[in-house]
């Protein structure tokens, strides 16, 4: 077989493989993985330690919300207000726009969220300061979410 024939055969095989559902990197080409490399879960719930959806009880846990308010006031309030934009976006109604898991992953993993998540990258156009890591535990992140439930009412 001539060199030209080998090149043509290689091109044909490459095209056939791509048509079978894989891109040249071996990833599915059927849309299961977004172009940014995030999974569908990460797209909806953020990137961080919470890899399963966090669900909230129907009723607010008042004790947890009080703990969350304390953590919020110490760690978040310098940049985030509830009802108006400041250094960062207003957090009132955040749970109407984002899942609790997304909010908690943002609290726990702000740098990677800023670098990789398209929703946060979009926010950085209006709020150009990347949120610093606040050394908040998973339990404290959950408490902040509980506080945000009552702070938005």
N, C-alpha and C. Protein backbone atom coordinates (compact mmCIF):
# COMPACT_ATOMS: atom_id res chain seq x y z
N UNK A 1 0.85 -1.17 0.00
CA UNK A 1 0.00 0.00 0.00
C UNK A 1 0.90 1.23 0.00
N UNK A 2 0.52 2.21 -0.79
CA UNK A 2 1.30 3.44 -0.88
C UNK A 2 1.13 4.28 0.38
N UNK A 3 2.04 5.23 0.54
CA UNK A 3 1.96 6.14 1.69
C UNK A 3 0.64 6.90 1.67
N UNK A 4 0.24 7.37 0.49
CA UNK A 4 -1.02 8.09 0.35
C UNK A 4 -2.19 7.20 0.78
N UNK A 5 -2.16 5.94 0.37
CA UNK A 5 -3.21 4.99 0.74
C UNK A 5 -3.29 4.78 2.25
N UNK A 6 -2.13 4.70 2.90
CA UNK A 6 -2.09 4.53 4.36
C UNK A 6 -2.68 5.75 5.07
N UNK A 7 -2.33 6.94 4.58
CA UNK A 7 -2.87 8.17 5.16
C UNK A 7 -4.38 8.21 5.00
N UNK A 8 -4.86 7.86 3.83
CA UNK A 8 -6.30 7.86 3.57
C UNK A 8 -7.02 6.83 4.45
N UNK A 9 -6.41 5.64 4.60
CA UNK A 9 -7.00 4.61 5.44
C UNK A 9 -7.05 5.08 6.89
N UNK A 10 -5.98 5.71 7.36
CA UNK A 10 -5.95 6.23 8.73
C UNK A 10 -7.04 7.28 8.94
N UNK A 11 -7.19 8.17 7.96
CA UNK A 11 -8.21 9.21 8.06
C UNK A 11 -9.61 8.59 8.09
N UNK A 12 -9.82 7.58 7.27
CA UNK A 12 -11.10 6.89 7.24
C UNK A 12 -11.40 6.21 8.56
N UNK A 13 -10.41 5.52 9.13
CA UNK A 13 -10.60 4.87 10.44
C UNK A 13 -10.88 5.89 11.54
N UNK A 14 -10.15 7.01 11.53
CA UNK A 14 -10.36 8.07 12.51
C UNK A 14 -11.80 8.58 12.42
N UNK A 15 -12.27 8.82 11.21
CA UNK A 15 -13.63 9.31 11.00
C UNK A 15 -14.66 8.28 11.48
N UNK A 16 -14.39 7.03 11.20
CA UNK A 16 -15.31 5.97 11.61
C UNK A 16 -15.38 5.88 13.13
N UNK A 17 -14.24 5.97 13.81
CA UNK A 17 -14.24 5.94 15.27
C UNK A 17 -14.99 7.13 15.85
N UNK A 18 -14.79 8.30 15.28
CA UNK A 18 -15.49 9.49 15.78
C UNK A 18 -16.99 9.33 15.59
N UNK A 19 -17.39 8.74 14.50
CA UNK A 19 -18.82 8.53 14.25
C UNK A 19 -19.42 7.50 15.19
N UNK A 20 -18.58 6.66 15.79
CA UNK A 20 -19.07 5.63 16.70
C UNK A 20 -19.26 6.14 18.12
N UNK A 21 -19.09 7.42 18.34
CA UNK A 21 -19.40 7.97 19.65
C UNK A 21 -18.23 8.33 20.52
N UNK A 22 -17.01 8.37 19.98
CA UNK A 22 -15.87 8.81 20.78
C UNK A 22 -15.13 9.90 20.04
N UNK A 23 -14.66 10.90 20.82
CA UNK A 23 -13.82 11.91 20.21
C UNK A 23 -12.38 11.41 20.23
N UNK A 24 -11.44 12.15 19.64
CA UNK A 24 -10.06 11.67 19.59
C UNK A 24 -9.43 11.41 20.96
N UNK A 25 -9.94 12.02 22.02
CA UNK A 25 -9.41 11.79 23.36
C UNK A 25 -10.04 10.59 24.04
N UNK A 26 -10.97 9.92 23.36
CA UNK A 26 -11.60 8.74 23.93
C UNK A 26 -12.78 9.04 24.84
N UNK A 27 -13.22 10.30 24.90
CA UNK A 27 -14.38 10.65 25.73
C UNK A 27 -15.66 10.52 24.92
N UNK A 28 -16.79 10.28 25.56
CA UNK A 28 -18.04 10.19 24.83
C UNK A 28 -18.31 11.47 24.05
N UNK A 29 -18.78 11.31 22.83
CA UNK A 29 -19.12 12.47 22.00
C UNK A 29 -20.62 12.67 21.94
N UNK A 30 -21.35 12.03 22.84
CA UNK A 30 -22.81 12.10 22.79
C UNK A 30 -23.38 13.18 23.70
N UNK A 31 -22.54 14.05 24.24
CA UNK A 31 -23.04 15.14 25.06
C UNK A 31 -23.14 14.79 26.54
N UNK A 32 -22.70 13.60 26.95
CA UNK A 32 -22.78 13.24 28.37
C UNK A 32 -21.87 14.10 29.23
N UNK A 33 -20.76 14.55 28.68
CA UNK A 33 -19.81 15.37 29.43
C UNK A 33 -19.74 16.74 28.76
N UNK A 34 -20.06 17.81 29.50
CA UNK A 34 -19.99 19.14 28.89
C UNK A 34 -18.58 19.47 28.43
N UNK A 35 -18.48 20.45 27.54
CA UNK A 35 -17.20 20.84 26.99
C UNK A 35 -16.20 21.25 28.06
N UNK A 36 -16.68 21.80 29.17
CA UNK A 36 -15.77 22.28 30.22
C UNK A 36 -15.23 21.15 31.10
N UNK A 37 -15.60 19.92 30.82
CA UNK A 37 -15.08 18.78 31.56
C UNK A 37 -15.81 18.49 32.86
N UNK A 38 -16.84 19.24 33.20
CA UNK A 38 -17.59 18.99 34.41
C UNK A 38 -18.64 17.92 34.16
N UNK A 39 -18.93 17.15 35.18
CA UNK A 39 -20.02 16.19 35.07
C UNK A 39 -21.34 16.95 35.19
N UNK A 40 -22.42 16.29 34.86
CA UNK A 40 -23.74 16.90 35.00
C UNK A 40 -23.99 17.28 36.46
N UNK A 41 -23.56 16.42 37.39
CA UNK A 41 -23.71 16.73 38.81
C UNK A 41 -22.95 18.01 39.17
N UNK A 42 -21.71 18.14 38.71
CA UNK A 42 -20.91 19.33 39.01
C UNK A 42 -21.51 20.58 38.38
N UNK A 43 -22.07 20.44 37.21
CA UNK A 43 -22.73 21.59 36.58
C UNK A 43 -23.85 22.12 37.48
N UNK A 44 -24.64 21.22 38.02
CA UNK A 44 -25.79 21.63 38.84
C UNK A 44 -25.42 21.92 40.29
N UNK A 45 -24.51 21.14 40.86
CA UNK A 45 -24.26 21.20 42.30
C UNK A 45 -22.86 21.69 42.68
N UNK A 46 -22.06 22.07 41.72
CA UNK A 46 -20.75 22.62 42.02
C UNK A 46 -19.67 21.56 42.20
N UNK A 47 -18.46 22.07 42.39
CA UNK A 47 -17.27 21.23 42.50
C UNK A 47 -16.76 21.33 43.92
N UNK A 48 -16.65 20.24 44.60
CA UNK A 48 -16.15 20.29 45.97
C UNK A 48 -16.37 18.99 46.70
N UNK A 49 -16.34 19.06 48.02
CA UNK A 49 -16.42 17.83 48.82
C UNK A 49 -17.80 17.20 48.84
N UNK A 50 -18.83 17.96 48.48
CA UNK A 50 -20.19 17.42 48.49
C UNK A 50 -20.48 16.81 47.13
N UNK A 51 -20.37 15.50 47.06
CA UNK A 51 -20.52 14.80 45.79
C UNK A 51 -21.86 14.09 45.68
N UNK A 52 -22.70 14.28 46.67
CA UNK A 52 -24.08 13.80 46.62
C UNK A 52 -24.97 14.97 46.98
N UNK A 53 -26.16 15.00 46.39
CA UNK A 53 -27.07 16.11 46.62
C UNK A 53 -27.47 16.22 48.09
N UNK A 54 -27.36 17.44 48.63
CA UNK A 54 -27.78 17.72 49.99
C UNK A 54 -29.24 18.17 49.92
N UNK A 55 -30.10 17.49 50.64
CA UNK A 55 -31.50 17.88 50.66
C UNK A 55 -31.82 18.54 52.00
N UNK A 56 -32.76 19.44 51.97
CA UNK A 56 -33.16 20.18 53.16
C UNK A 56 -34.50 19.66 53.65
N UNK A 57 -34.66 19.64 54.98
CA UNK A 57 -35.95 19.30 55.55
C UNK A 57 -36.95 20.40 55.23
N UNK A 58 -38.23 20.07 55.29
CA UNK A 58 -39.26 21.07 55.03
C UNK A 58 -39.18 22.23 56.02
N UNK A 59 -38.93 21.90 57.28
CA UNK A 59 -38.85 22.93 58.31
C UNK A 59 -37.40 23.31 58.57
N UNK A 60 -37.19 24.59 58.81
CA UNK A 60 -35.85 25.09 59.11
C UNK A 60 -35.45 24.61 60.50
N UNK A 61 -34.22 24.14 60.61
CA UNK A 61 -33.64 23.78 61.90
C UNK A 61 -33.14 25.08 62.53
N UNK A 62 -33.91 25.62 63.48
CA UNK A 62 -33.62 26.93 64.05
C UNK A 62 -32.26 26.97 64.76
N UNK A 63 -31.93 25.91 65.45
CA UNK A 63 -30.64 25.87 66.16
C UNK A 63 -29.48 25.90 65.16
N UNK A 64 -29.59 25.11 64.10
CA UNK A 64 -28.57 25.09 63.06
C UNK A 64 -28.50 26.45 62.36
N UNK A 65 -29.65 27.06 62.13
CA UNK A 65 -29.68 28.38 61.49
C UNK A 65 -28.99 29.43 62.35
N UNK A 66 -29.16 29.36 63.66
CA UNK A 66 -28.49 30.31 64.56
C UNK A 66 -26.97 30.11 64.49
N UNK A 67 -26.54 28.87 64.46
CA UNK A 67 -25.11 28.58 64.31
C UNK A 67 -24.61 29.13 62.98
N UNK A 68 -25.40 28.92 61.95
CA UNK A 68 -25.05 29.42 60.62
C UNK A 68 -24.97 30.94 60.58
N UNK A 69 -25.86 31.60 61.29
CA UNK A 69 -25.82 33.06 61.34
C UNK A 69 -24.51 33.53 61.98
N UNK A 70 -24.09 32.88 63.04
CA UNK A 70 -22.83 33.25 63.69
C UNK A 70 -21.65 33.07 62.74
N UNK A 71 -21.61 31.95 62.04
CA UNK A 71 -20.51 31.69 61.10
C UNK A 71 -20.57 32.69 59.95
N UNK A 72 -21.76 32.96 59.46
CA UNK A 72 -21.95 33.93 58.37
C UNK A 72 -21.45 35.31 58.79
N UNK A 73 -21.82 35.74 59.98
CA UNK A 73 -21.42 37.07 60.44
C UNK A 73 -19.91 37.18 60.61
N UNK A 74 -19.26 36.11 61.03
CA UNK A 74 -17.81 36.12 61.21
C UNK A 74 -17.03 35.98 59.90
N UNK A 75 -17.55 35.19 58.96
CA UNK A 75 -16.77 34.82 57.79
C UNK A 75 -17.29 35.37 56.46
N UNK A 76 -18.55 35.69 56.37
CA UNK A 76 -19.13 36.00 55.06
C UNK A 76 -19.60 37.44 54.92
N UNK A 77 -20.05 38.01 56.02
CA UNK A 77 -20.72 39.31 55.99
C UNK A 77 -19.82 40.45 55.53
N UNK A 78 -18.52 40.31 55.64
CA UNK A 78 -17.63 41.37 55.18
C UNK A 78 -17.74 41.58 53.67
N UNK A 79 -18.14 40.55 52.94
CA UNK A 79 -18.23 40.64 51.48
C UNK A 79 -19.63 40.41 50.93
N UNK A 80 -20.47 39.69 51.67
CA UNK A 80 -21.80 39.35 51.18
C UNK A 80 -22.87 39.91 52.10
N UNK A 81 -23.77 40.68 51.52
CA UNK A 81 -24.95 41.13 52.24
C UNK A 81 -26.12 40.27 51.78
N UNK A 82 -27.19 40.32 52.50
CA UNK A 82 -28.36 39.52 52.12
C UNK A 82 -29.13 40.19 50.98
N UNK A 83 -29.39 41.49 51.12
CA UNK A 83 -30.31 42.16 50.19
C UNK A 83 -29.67 43.05 49.15
N UNK A 84 -28.35 43.21 49.18
CA UNK A 84 -27.73 44.05 48.16
C UNK A 84 -26.33 43.56 47.84
N UNK A 85 -25.92 43.87 46.64
CA UNK A 85 -24.57 43.50 46.19
C UNK A 85 -23.55 44.33 46.95
N UNK A 86 -22.41 43.73 47.16
CA UNK A 86 -21.33 44.41 47.86
C UNK A 86 -20.04 43.97 47.17
N UNK A 87 -19.07 43.45 47.87
CA UNK A 87 -17.88 42.89 47.24
C UNK A 87 -18.27 41.65 46.44
N UNK A 88 -19.17 40.86 47.02
CA UNK A 88 -19.72 39.69 46.35
C UNK A 88 -21.22 39.88 46.16
N UNK A 89 -21.85 38.95 45.47
CA UNK A 89 -23.29 39.08 45.20
C UNK A 89 -24.13 38.95 46.47
N UNK A 90 -25.31 39.56 46.42
CA UNK A 90 -26.27 39.43 47.52
C UNK A 90 -26.67 37.97 47.65
N UNK A 91 -26.85 37.51 48.88
CA UNK A 91 -27.17 36.10 49.09
C UNK A 91 -28.64 35.85 49.40
N UNK A 92 -29.44 36.90 49.50
CA UNK A 92 -30.88 36.70 49.67
C UNK A 92 -31.44 35.99 48.45
N UNK A 93 -32.18 34.94 48.66
CA UNK A 93 -32.77 34.18 47.56
C UNK A 93 -31.79 33.27 46.84
N UNK A 94 -30.59 33.11 47.37
CA UNK A 94 -29.58 32.27 46.69
C UNK A 94 -30.09 30.84 46.51
N UNK A 95 -30.88 30.36 47.46
CA UNK A 95 -31.35 28.98 47.36
C UNK A 95 -32.48 28.82 46.34
N UNK A 96 -32.96 29.95 45.81
CA UNK A 96 -33.90 29.89 44.68
C UNK A 96 -33.13 29.78 43.37
N UNK A 97 -31.87 30.21 43.39
CA UNK A 97 -31.05 30.22 42.17
C UNK A 97 -30.05 29.06 42.11
N UNK A 98 -29.64 28.57 43.25
CA UNK A 98 -28.64 27.52 43.34
C UNK A 98 -29.10 26.44 44.31
N UNK A 99 -28.61 25.24 44.12
CA UNK A 99 -28.96 24.17 45.05
C UNK A 99 -28.16 24.35 46.34
N UNK A 100 -28.67 23.80 47.44
CA UNK A 100 -27.89 23.85 48.69
C UNK A 100 -26.50 23.24 48.51
N UNK A 101 -26.40 22.18 47.73
CA UNK A 101 -25.12 21.53 47.49
C UNK A 101 -24.17 22.46 46.76
N UNK A 102 -24.67 23.20 45.79
CA UNK A 102 -23.85 24.17 45.05
C UNK A 102 -23.30 25.23 46.01
N UNK A 103 -24.17 25.77 46.85
CA UNK A 103 -23.76 26.81 47.80
C UNK A 103 -22.69 26.27 48.74
N UNK A 104 -22.90 25.06 49.23
CA UNK A 104 -21.94 24.47 50.16
C UNK A 104 -20.60 24.17 49.47
N UNK A 105 -20.64 23.71 48.24
CA UNK A 105 -19.39 23.48 47.51
C UNK A 105 -18.68 24.80 47.22
N UNK A 106 -19.42 25.86 46.97
CA UNK A 106 -18.80 27.17 46.76
C UNK A 106 -18.11 27.64 48.03
N UNK A 107 -18.75 27.44 49.16
CA UNK A 107 -18.16 27.84 50.44
C UNK A 107 -16.88 27.04 50.70
N UNK A 108 -16.92 25.76 50.41
CA UNK A 108 -15.81 24.86 50.74
C UNK A 108 -14.68 24.87 49.70
N UNK A 109 -14.98 25.28 48.47
CA UNK A 109 -14.02 25.13 47.39
C UNK A 109 -14.07 26.33 46.43
N UNK A 110 -13.94 27.55 46.95
CA UNK A 110 -14.15 28.73 46.10
C UNK A 110 -13.14 28.88 44.97
N UNK A 111 -11.90 28.50 45.19
CA UNK A 111 -10.88 28.69 44.16
C UNK A 111 -11.14 27.82 42.93
N UNK A 112 -11.39 26.53 43.16
CA UNK A 112 -11.65 25.65 42.02
C UNK A 112 -12.97 26.00 41.35
N UNK A 113 -13.96 26.40 42.13
CA UNK A 113 -15.23 26.83 41.53
C UNK A 113 -14.98 28.03 40.62
N UNK A 114 -14.18 28.98 41.08
CA UNK A 114 -13.89 30.17 40.27
C UNK A 114 -13.11 29.80 39.01
N UNK A 115 -12.23 28.84 39.12
CA UNK A 115 -11.41 28.45 37.96
C UNK A 115 -12.14 27.58 36.96
N UNK A 116 -13.13 26.80 37.42
CA UNK A 116 -13.69 25.78 36.52
C UNK A 116 -15.18 25.88 36.27
N UNK A 117 -15.95 26.47 37.18
CA UNK A 117 -17.41 26.41 37.02
C UNK A 117 -17.92 27.62 36.24
N UNK A 118 -18.64 27.38 35.15
CA UNK A 118 -19.09 28.49 34.29
C UNK A 118 -20.00 29.50 35.00
N UNK A 119 -20.82 29.06 35.95
CA UNK A 119 -21.69 29.99 36.67
C UNK A 119 -20.87 30.97 37.50
N UNK A 120 -19.83 30.49 38.14
CA UNK A 120 -18.98 31.35 38.96
C UNK A 120 -18.12 32.23 38.06
N UNK A 121 -17.64 31.68 36.96
CA UNK A 121 -16.86 32.49 36.02
C UNK A 121 -17.71 33.64 35.49
N UNK A 122 -18.98 33.40 35.27
CA UNK A 122 -19.89 34.47 34.84
C UNK A 122 -20.03 35.53 35.93
N UNK A 123 -20.16 35.12 37.18
CA UNK A 123 -20.25 36.07 38.29
C UNK A 123 -18.99 36.93 38.41
N UNK A 124 -17.85 36.35 38.08
CA UNK A 124 -16.59 37.09 38.19
C UNK A 124 -16.53 38.28 37.24
N UNK A 125 -17.39 38.31 36.26
CA UNK A 125 -17.45 39.49 35.37
C UNK A 125 -17.99 40.70 36.12
N UNK A 126 -18.92 40.46 37.05
CA UNK A 126 -19.49 41.55 37.84
C UNK A 126 -18.80 41.73 39.18
N UNK A 127 -18.23 40.66 39.70
CA UNK A 127 -17.56 40.66 41.00
C UNK A 127 -16.16 40.08 40.79
N UNK A 128 -15.19 40.91 40.43
CA UNK A 128 -13.89 40.40 40.00
C UNK A 128 -12.97 39.86 41.11
N UNK A 129 -13.44 39.83 42.34
CA UNK A 129 -12.62 39.30 43.43
C UNK A 129 -13.02 37.85 43.68
N UNK A 130 -12.05 36.94 43.60
CA UNK A 130 -12.33 35.53 43.88
C UNK A 130 -12.50 35.35 45.39
N UNK A 131 -13.56 34.70 45.77
CA UNK A 131 -13.83 34.48 47.19
C UNK A 131 -12.69 33.69 47.81
N UNK A 132 -12.13 34.18 48.91
CA UNK A 132 -11.07 33.40 49.57
C UNK A 132 -11.64 32.25 50.38
N UNK A 133 -10.83 31.22 50.51
CA UNK A 133 -11.21 30.09 51.36
C UNK A 133 -11.27 30.57 52.80
N UNK A 134 -12.34 30.22 53.51
CA UNK A 134 -12.57 30.72 54.86
C UNK A 134 -12.31 29.68 55.94
N UNK A 135 -11.79 28.52 55.57
CA UNK A 135 -11.53 27.46 56.54
C UNK A 135 -12.80 27.07 57.30
N UNK A 136 -13.86 26.93 56.57
CA UNK A 136 -15.16 26.56 57.13
C UNK A 136 -15.33 25.05 56.98
N UNK A 137 -15.81 24.41 58.02
CA UNK A 137 -16.04 22.96 57.99
C UNK A 137 -17.30 22.64 57.19
N UNK A 138 -17.45 21.37 56.84
CA UNK A 138 -18.66 20.93 56.14
C UNK A 138 -19.89 21.20 56.99
N UNK A 139 -19.79 20.98 58.29
CA UNK A 139 -20.92 21.23 59.19
C UNK A 139 -21.26 22.71 59.24
N UNK A 140 -20.25 23.57 59.24
CA UNK A 140 -20.50 25.01 59.25
C UNK A 140 -21.10 25.46 57.92
N UNK A 141 -20.66 24.88 56.82
CA UNK A 141 -21.23 25.21 55.51
C UNK A 141 -22.71 24.86 55.49
N UNK A 142 -23.04 23.70 56.04
CA UNK A 142 -24.44 23.28 56.11
C UNK A 142 -25.24 24.24 56.99
N UNK A 143 -24.64 24.71 58.09
CA UNK A 143 -25.31 25.66 58.98
C UNK A 143 -25.55 27.00 58.27
N UNK A 144 -24.60 27.45 57.47
CA UNK A 144 -24.78 28.70 56.72
C UNK A 144 -25.96 28.56 55.77
N UNK A 145 -26.07 27.43 55.11
CA UNK A 145 -27.20 27.21 54.20
C UNK A 145 -28.51 27.28 54.98
N UNK A 146 -28.54 26.69 56.16
CA UNK A 146 -29.77 26.74 56.96
C UNK A 146 -30.09 28.19 57.34
N UNK A 147 -29.07 28.97 57.68
CA UNK A 147 -29.29 30.38 57.99
C UNK A 147 -29.81 31.12 56.76
N UNK A 148 -29.24 30.85 55.59
CA UNK A 148 -29.68 31.54 54.37
C UNK A 148 -31.15 31.24 54.05
N UNK A 149 -31.64 30.11 54.51
CA UNK A 149 -33.06 29.79 54.32
C UNK A 149 -33.95 30.81 55.01
N UNK A 150 -33.56 31.23 56.23
CA UNK A 150 -34.41 32.18 56.95
C UNK A 150 -34.01 33.63 56.64
N UNK A 151 -32.79 33.86 56.24
CA UNK A 151 -32.33 35.21 55.95
C UNK A 151 -32.98 35.74 54.68
N UNK A 152 -33.41 34.85 53.80
CA UNK A 152 -33.99 35.29 52.53
C UNK A 152 -35.49 35.53 52.64
N UNK A 153 -36.08 35.19 53.78
CA UNK A 153 -37.54 35.37 53.92
C UNK A 153 -37.93 36.81 54.13
